[in-house]
Amino acid sequence: MNTSLSSWLVIIVALLAASLPFVTERVFGLIRLSREKTVWLRLAELIVLYFGVGALGFLLEANVGNRFEQRWEFFAITVCLFTVFSFPGFVYRYLLKRAT
């Protein structure tokens, strides 16, 4: 897999994973709960998915070639980017008016 393809793969997975906690009532899209998910559970799920996407990026980077050292600036930017990626799911869950 070349560098460009692996980069796009991580971006697409991040877009999907960031919205997942907000578009479904299942934990990680798999585990059904007997009640509605709380905001805190959604945020915890978002954090776990952030680290999962980061691990995927780390594996793809190591597979393509040399892995580069990342400092705190990289992680600050990726957390902000992942939060922005979750915005469509957040809008869908909390800001759109639902017809009842």
C-alpha atoms as a PDB file:
ATOM      1  CA  MET A   1       0.000   0.000   0.000  1.00  0.00           C
ATOM      2  CA  ASN A   2       1.474   3.358  -0.970  1.00  0.00           C
ATOM      3  CA  THR A   3       1.627   6.445   1.210  1.00  0.00           C
ATOM      4  CA  SER A   4      -1.206   8.311  -0.493  1.00  0.00           C
ATOM      5  CA  LEU A   5      -3.628   5.408  -0.260  1.00  0.00           C
ATOM      6  CA  SER A   6      -2.851   4.748   3.391  1.00  0.00           C
ATOM      7  CA  SER A   7      -3.285   8.454   4.212  1.00  0.00           C
ATOM      8  CA  TRP A   8      -6.708   8.547   2.578  1.00  0.00           C
ATOM      9  CA  LEU A   9      -7.681   5.333   4.319  1.00  0.00           C
ATOM     10  CA  VAL A  10      -6.897   6.817   7.743  1.00  0.00           C
ATOM     11  CA  ILE A  11      -8.826  10.007   6.914  1.00  0.00           C
ATOM     12  CA  ILE A  12     -11.922   8.094   5.770  1.00  0.00           C
ATOM     13  CA  VAL A  13     -11.827   5.781   8.793  1.00  0.00           C
ATOM     14  CA  ALA A  14     -11.433   8.816  11.071  1.00  0.00           C
ATOM     15  CA  LEU A  15     -14.447  10.524   9.481  1.00  0.00           C
ATOM     16  CA  LEU A  16     -16.601   7.452   9.999  1.00  0.00           C
ATOM     17  CA  ALA A  17     -15.307   6.644  13.486  1.00  0.00           C
ATOM     18  CA  ALA A  18     -15.718  10.200  14.777  1.00  0.00           C
ATOM     19  CA  SER A  19     -19.431  10.293  13.950  1.00  0.00           C
ATOM     20  CA  LEU A  20     -20.177   6.727  15.043  1.00  0.00           C
ATOM     21  CA  PRO A  21     -20.905   7.488  18.738  1.00  0.00           C
ATOM     22  CA  PHE A  22     -23.539  10.043  17.746  1.00  0.00           C
ATOM     23  CA  VAL A  23     -25.385   8.273  14.945  1.00  0.00           C
ATOM     24  CA  THR A  24     -26.123   4.984  16.718  1.00  0.00           C
ATOM     25  CA  GLU A  25     -27.358   3.948  20.147  1.00  0.00           C
ATOM     26  CA  ARG A  26     -25.074   0.908  20.146  1.00  0.00           C
ATOM     27  CA  VAL A  27     -21.677   1.124  21.822  1.00  0.00           C
ATOM     28  CA  PHE A  28     -19.002   1.028  19.065  1.00  0.00           C
ATOM     29  CA  GLY A  29     -21.827   0.165  16.688  1.00  0.00           C
ATOM     30  CA  LEU A  30     -21.958  -3.373  18.118  1.00  0.00           C
ATOM     31  CA  ILE A  31     -23.181  -3.606  21.717  1.00  0.00           C
ATOM     32  CA  ARG A  32     -26.858  -2.878  22.340  1.00  0.00           C
ATOM     33  CA  LEU A  33     -27.746  -1.143  25.605  1.00  0.00           C
ATOM     34  CA  SER A  34     -31.025  -1.451  27.472  1.00  0.00           C
ATOM     35  CA  ARG A  35     -31.251   2.341  27.763  1.00  0.00           C
ATOM     36  CA  GLU A  36     -30.159   5.388  25.772  1.00  0.00           C
ATOM     37  CA  LYS A  37     -26.456   6.257  25.743  1.00  0.00           C
ATOM     38  CA  THR A  38     -25.446   9.195  27.912  1.00  0.00           C
ATOM     39  CA  VAL A  39     -23.279  12.057  26.732  1.00  0.00           C
ATOM     40  CA  TRP A  40     -20.422  10.769  28.903  1.00  0.00           C
ATOM     41  CA  LEU A  41     -20.569   7.349  27.301  1.00  0.00           C
ATOM     42  CA  ARG A  42     -20.527   8.965  23.857  1.00  0.00           C
ATOM     43  CA  LEU A  43     -17.450  11.017  24.807  1.00  0.00           C
ATOM     44  CA  ALA A  44     -15.679   7.951  26.235  1.00  0.00           C
ATOM     45  CA  GLU A  45     -16.483   6.066  23.050  1.00  0.00           C
ATOM     46  CA  LEU A  46     -15.107   8.991  21.017  1.00  0.00           C
ATOM     47  CA  ILE A  47     -11.829   8.889  22.967  1.00  0.00           C
ATOM     48  CA  VAL A  48     -11.443   5.132  22.487  1.00  0.00           C
ATOM     49  CA  LEU A  49     -12.147   5.490  18.765  1.00  0.00           C
ATOM     50  CA  TYR A  50      -9.560   8.302  18.538  1.00  0.00           C
ATOM     51  CA  PHE A  51      -6.900   5.981  19.912  1.00  0.00           C
ATOM     52  CA  GLY A  52      -8.098   3.184  17.617  1.00  0.00           C
ATOM     53  CA  VAL A  53      -7.740   5.372  14.531  1.00  0.00           C
ATOM     54  CA  GLY A  54      -4.352   6.521  15.825  1.00  0.00           C
ATOM     55  CA  ALA A  55      -3.226   2.911  16.168  1.00  0.00           C
ATOM     56  CA  LEU A  56      -4.375   2.216  12.607  1.00  0.00           C
ATOM     57  CA  GLY A  57      -2.389   5.220  11.377  1.00  0.00           C
ATOM     58  CA  PHE A  58       0.652   4.084  13.344  1.00  0.00           C
ATOM     59  CA  LEU A  59       0.458   0.583  11.826  1.00  0.00           C
ATOM     60  CA  LEU A  60       0.030   1.890   8.296  1.00  0.00           C
ATOM     61  CA  GLU A  61       2.909   4.335   8.717  1.00  0.00           C
ATOM     62  CA  ALA A  62       5.178   1.588  10.041  1.00  0.00           C
ATOM     63  CA  ASN A  63       4.102  -0.679   7.170  1.00  0.00           C
ATOM     64  CA  VAL A  64       4.850   1.922   4.470  1.00  0.00           C
ATOM     65  CA  GLY A  65       8.325   2.811   5.710  1.00  0.00           C
ATOM     66  CA  ASN A  66      10.002   4.769   8.450  1.00  0.00           C
ATOM     67  CA  ARG A  67       7.833   5.855  11.334  1.00  0.00           C
ATOM     68  CA  PHE A  68       8.326   9.484  12.279  1.00  0.00           C
ATOM     69  CA  GLU A  69       8.545  10.753  15.842  1.00  0.00           C
ATOM     70  CA  GLN A  70       5.445  12.681  16.904  1.00  0.00           C
ATOM     71  CA  ARG A  71       5.521  15.396  19.530  1.00  0.00           C
ATOM     72  CA  TRP A  72       2.685  16.975  21.506  1.00  0.00           C
ATOM     73  CA  GLU A  73       1.788  19.388  18.690  1.00  0.00           C
ATOM     74  CA  PHE A  74       0.847  16.484  16.431  1.00  0.00           C
ATOM     75  CA  PHE A  75      -1.491  15.005  19.037  1.00  0.00           C
ATOM     76  CA  ALA A  76      -3.082  18.390  19.816  1.00  0.00           C
ATOM     77  CA  ILE A  77      -3.866  18.880  16.128  1.00  0.00           C
ATOM     78  CA  THR A  78      -5.220  15.347  15.641  1.00  0.00           C
ATOM     79  CA  VAL A  79      -7.521  15.636  18.682  1.00  0.00           C
ATOM     80  CA  CYS A  80      -8.907  18.889  17.286  1.00  0.00           C
ATOM     81  CA  LEU A  81      -9.297  17.367  13.819  1.00  0.00           C
ATOM     82  CA  PHE A  82     -11.057  14.290  15.210  1.00  0.00           C
ATOM     83  CA  THR A  83     -13.402  16.582  17.152  1.00  0.00           C
ATOM     84  CA  VAL A  84     -14.200  18.506  13.967  1.00  0.00           C
ATOM     85  CA  PHE A  85     -14.815  15.207  12.164  1.00  0.00           C
ATOM     86  CA  SER A  86     -17.395  14.309  14.840  1.00  0.00           C
ATOM     87  CA  PHE A  87     -19.399  17.498  14.274  1.00  0.00           C
ATOM     88  CA  PRO A  88     -21.822  16.085  11.652  1.00  0.00           C
ATOM     89  CA  GLY A  89     -22.788  13.245  13.997  1.00  0.00           C
ATOM     90  CA  PHE A  90     -23.186  15.691  16.895  1.00  0.00           C
ATOM     91  CA  VAL A  91     -25.456  17.908  14.803  1.00  0.00           C
ATOM     92  CA  TYR A  92     -27.502  14.882  13.759  1.00  0.00           C
ATOM     93  CA  ARG A  93     -27.943  13.707  17.370  1.00  0.00           C
ATOM     94  CA  TYR A  94     -28.449  16.937  19.310  1.00  0.00           C
ATOM     95  CA  LEU A  95     -29.191  19.914  17.031  1.00  0.00           C
ATOM     96  CA  LEU A  96     -31.568  18.649  14.347  1.00  0.00           C
ATOM     97  CA  LYS A  97     -35.241  18.918  15.171  1.00  0.00           C
ATOM     98  CA  ARG A  98     -36.982  15.559  15.005  1.00  0.00           C
ATOM     99  CA  ALA A  99     -40.554  15.171  13.835  1.00  0.00           C
ATOM    100  CA  THR A 100     -42.549  13.359  16.502  1.00  0.00           C
END
